Amino acid sequence: MNDIVRITCKEGYIYHIIFDNGISGDVDFSEYLSTGPVFEPLKEIAFFRKASIEGGTISWPNGADIAPETLYDKILQTQSDITPERLLSQV
């Protein structure tokens, strides 16, 4: 499993995420805002921007987080230039 090593908040509900193997990309978290009460506070953009890295993933002060493997898969799905060979070369 890969850990997140850097996050940068962009516009709206998007964070640019960098993993420890160099894979990086933008993830739009707006789809999570209505998935349960723990994500409700994230609707306020000021709170959303208080994310940090804990346990190798992105998390917020209220305990909300997303599994790093879920975010990793999202990034891979959005980047057509990432091939298995490229992944292996970054290990």
C-alpha atoms as a PDB file:
ATOM      1  CA  MET A   1       0.000   0.000   0.000  1.00  0.00           C
ATOM      2  CA  ASN A   2       1.198   3.507  -0.793  1.00  0.00           C
ATOM      3  CA  ASP A   3       1.039   6.408   1.623  1.00  0.00           C
ATOM      4  CA  ILE A   4       0.205  10.016   0.893  1.00  0.00           C
ATOM      5  CA  VAL A   5       3.199  12.259   1.531  1.00  0.00           C
ATOM      6  CA  ARG A   6       1.911  15.666   0.404  1.00  0.00           C
ATOM      7  CA  ILE A   7      -1.433  17.383  -0.150  1.00  0.00           C
ATOM      8  CA  THR A   8      -2.151  20.777  -1.646  1.00  0.00           C
ATOM      9  CA  CYS A   9      -5.608  22.308  -1.590  1.00  0.00           C
ATOM     10  CA  LYS A  10      -6.704  23.658  -4.940  1.00  0.00           C
ATOM     11  CA  GLU A  11      -9.971  25.323  -5.931  1.00  0.00           C
ATOM     12  CA  GLY A  12     -13.283  24.049  -4.607  1.00  0.00           C
ATOM     13  CA  TYR A  13     -13.158  20.606  -3.046  1.00  0.00           C
ATOM     14  CA  ILE A  14     -10.045  19.455  -4.865  1.00  0.00           C
ATOM     15  CA  TYR A  15      -6.743  18.385  -3.343  1.00  0.00           C
ATOM     16  CA  HIS A  16      -3.610  17.579  -5.278  1.00  0.00           C
ATOM     17  CA  ILE A  17      -2.230  14.414  -3.711  1.00  0.00           C
ATOM     18  CA  ILE A  18       1.275  12.970  -3.949  1.00  0.00           C
ATOM     19  CA  PHE A  19       2.014   9.397  -2.921  1.00  0.00           C
ATOM     20  CA  ASP A  20       5.305   8.031  -1.654  1.00  0.00           C
ATOM     21  CA  ASN A  21       6.023   6.337  -5.003  1.00  0.00           C
ATOM     22  CA  GLY A  22       5.648   9.598  -6.942  1.00  0.00           C
ATOM     23  CA  ILE A  23       2.156   8.973  -8.312  1.00  0.00           C
ATOM     24  CA  SER A  24       0.173  12.192  -8.017  1.00  0.00           C
ATOM     25  CA  GLY A  25      -3.013  13.793  -9.182  1.00  0.00           C
ATOM     26  CA  ASP A  26      -6.049  15.854  -8.314  1.00  0.00           C
ATOM     27  CA  VAL A  27      -8.945  14.338  -6.400  1.00  0.00           C
ATOM     28  CA  ASP A  28     -12.334  16.036  -6.198  1.00  0.00           C
ATOM     29  CA  PHE A  29     -13.821  15.248  -2.792  1.00  0.00           C
ATOM     30  CA  SER A  30     -17.226  16.809  -3.521  1.00  0.00           C
ATOM     31  CA  GLU A  31     -18.723  13.350  -4.106  1.00  0.00           C
ATOM     32  CA  TYR A  32     -18.074  12.480  -0.437  1.00  0.00           C
ATOM     33  CA  LEU A  33     -19.840  15.508   1.038  1.00  0.00           C
ATOM     34  CA  SER A  34     -23.247  13.845   1.129  1.00  0.00           C
ATOM     35  CA  THR A  35     -22.164  10.308   2.022  1.00  0.00           C
ATOM     36  CA  GLY A  36     -22.647  10.502   5.771  1.00  0.00           C
ATOM     37  CA  PRO A  37     -22.635  12.704   8.863  1.00  0.00           C
ATOM     38  CA  VAL A  38     -18.844  12.572   9.330  1.00  0.00           C
ATOM     39  CA  PHE A  39     -18.398  14.339   5.982  1.00  0.00           C
ATOM     40  CA  GLU A  40     -21.072  16.999   6.639  1.00  0.00           C
ATOM     41  CA  PRO A  41     -18.623  19.545   8.163  1.00  0.00           C
ATOM     42  CA  LEU A  42     -16.462  19.321   5.018  1.00  0.00           C
ATOM     43  CA  LYS A  43     -19.171  21.194   3.091  1.00  0.00           C
ATOM     44  CA  GLU A  44     -17.850  24.376   4.696  1.00  0.00           C
ATOM     45  CA  ILE A  45     -14.839  25.163   2.527  1.00  0.00           C
ATOM     46  CA  ALA A  46     -12.821  26.634   5.425  1.00  0.00           C
ATOM     47  CA  PHE A  47     -13.144  23.351   7.321  1.00  0.00           C
ATOM     48  CA  PHE A  48     -12.426  21.325   4.185  1.00  0.00           C
ATOM     49  CA  ARG A  49      -9.109  23.145   3.812  1.00  0.00           C
ATOM     50  CA  LYS A  50      -7.997  22.010   7.297  1.00  0.00           C
ATOM     51  CA  ALA A  51      -7.049  18.569   6.023  1.00  0.00           C
ATOM     52  CA  SER A  52      -3.768  17.012   7.062  1.00  0.00           C
ATOM     53  CA  ILE A  53      -1.951  13.743   6.520  1.00  0.00           C
ATOM     54  CA  GLU A  54      -2.466  11.124   9.218  1.00  0.00           C
ATOM     55  CA  GLY A  55      -1.594   7.473   8.970  1.00  0.00           C
ATOM     56  CA  GLY A  56      -0.615   7.869   5.329  1.00  0.00           C
ATOM     57  CA  THR A  57      -3.921   9.337   4.188  1.00  0.00           C
ATOM     58  CA  ILE A  58      -5.784  12.628   4.094  1.00  0.00           C
ATOM     59  CA  SER A  59      -7.930  13.349   7.146  1.00  0.00           C
ATOM     60  CA  TRP A  60      -9.826  16.202   8.746  1.00  0.00           C
ATOM     61  CA  PRO A  61     -10.034  17.439  12.360  1.00  0.00           C
ATOM     62  CA  ASN A  62     -13.396  15.730  12.940  1.00  0.00           C
ATOM     63  CA  GLY A  63     -11.966  12.287  12.103  1.00  0.00           C
ATOM     64  CA  ALA A  64     -13.217  12.077   8.516  1.00  0.00           C
ATOM     65  CA  ASP A  65     -10.793  10.349   6.177  1.00  0.00           C
ATOM     66  CA  ILE A  66     -10.656   8.375   2.947  1.00  0.00           C
ATOM     67  CA  ALA A  67      -8.688   5.152   2.585  1.00  0.00           C
ATOM     68  CA  PRO A  68      -5.418   5.856   0.761  1.00  0.00           C
ATOM     69  CA  GLU A  69      -5.968   2.940  -1.623  1.00  0.00           C
ATOM     70  CA  THR A  70      -9.272   4.489  -2.706  1.00  0.00           C
ATOM     71  CA  LEU A  71      -7.558   7.781  -3.503  1.00  0.00           C
ATOM     72  CA  TYR A  72      -4.693   5.990  -5.241  1.00  0.00           C
ATOM     73  CA  ASP A  73      -7.150   4.122  -7.466  1.00  0.00           C
ATOM     74  CA  LYS A  74      -9.016   7.365  -8.276  1.00  0.00           C
ATOM     75  CA  ILE A  75      -5.796   8.976  -9.440  1.00  0.00           C
ATOM     76  CA  LEU A  76      -4.822   5.962 -11.523  1.00  0.00           C
ATOM     77  CA  GLN A  77      -8.243   5.935 -13.190  1.00  0.00           C
ATOM     78  CA  THR A  78      -7.877   9.571 -14.252  1.00  0.00           C
ATOM     79  CA  GLN A  79      -4.395   9.231 -15.684  1.00  0.00           C
ATOM     80  CA  SER A  80      -4.280   7.274 -18.906  1.00  0.00           C
ATOM     81  CA  ASP A  81      -0.516   7.659 -19.173  1.00  0.00           C
ATOM     82  CA  ILE A  82       0.147   5.579 -16.079  1.00  0.00           C
ATOM     83  CA  THR A  83       1.043   2.094 -17.227  1.00  0.00           C
ATOM     84  CA  PRO A  84       2.016  -0.920 -15.096  1.00  0.00           C
ATOM     85  CA  GLU A  85       5.585  -0.511 -16.394  1.00  0.00           C
ATOM     86  CA  ARG A  86       5.712   3.092 -15.201  1.00  0.00           C
ATOM     87  CA  LEU A  87       4.421   2.061 -11.791  1.00  0.00           C
ATOM     88  CA  LEU A  88       7.089  -0.621 -11.481  1.00  0.00           C
ATOM     89  CA  SER A  89       9.817   1.807 -12.480  1.00  0.00           C
ATOM     90  CA  GLN A  90       8.836   4.084  -9.557  1.00  0.00           C
ATOM     91  CA  VAL A  91       9.002   1.403  -6.871  1.00  0.00           C
END
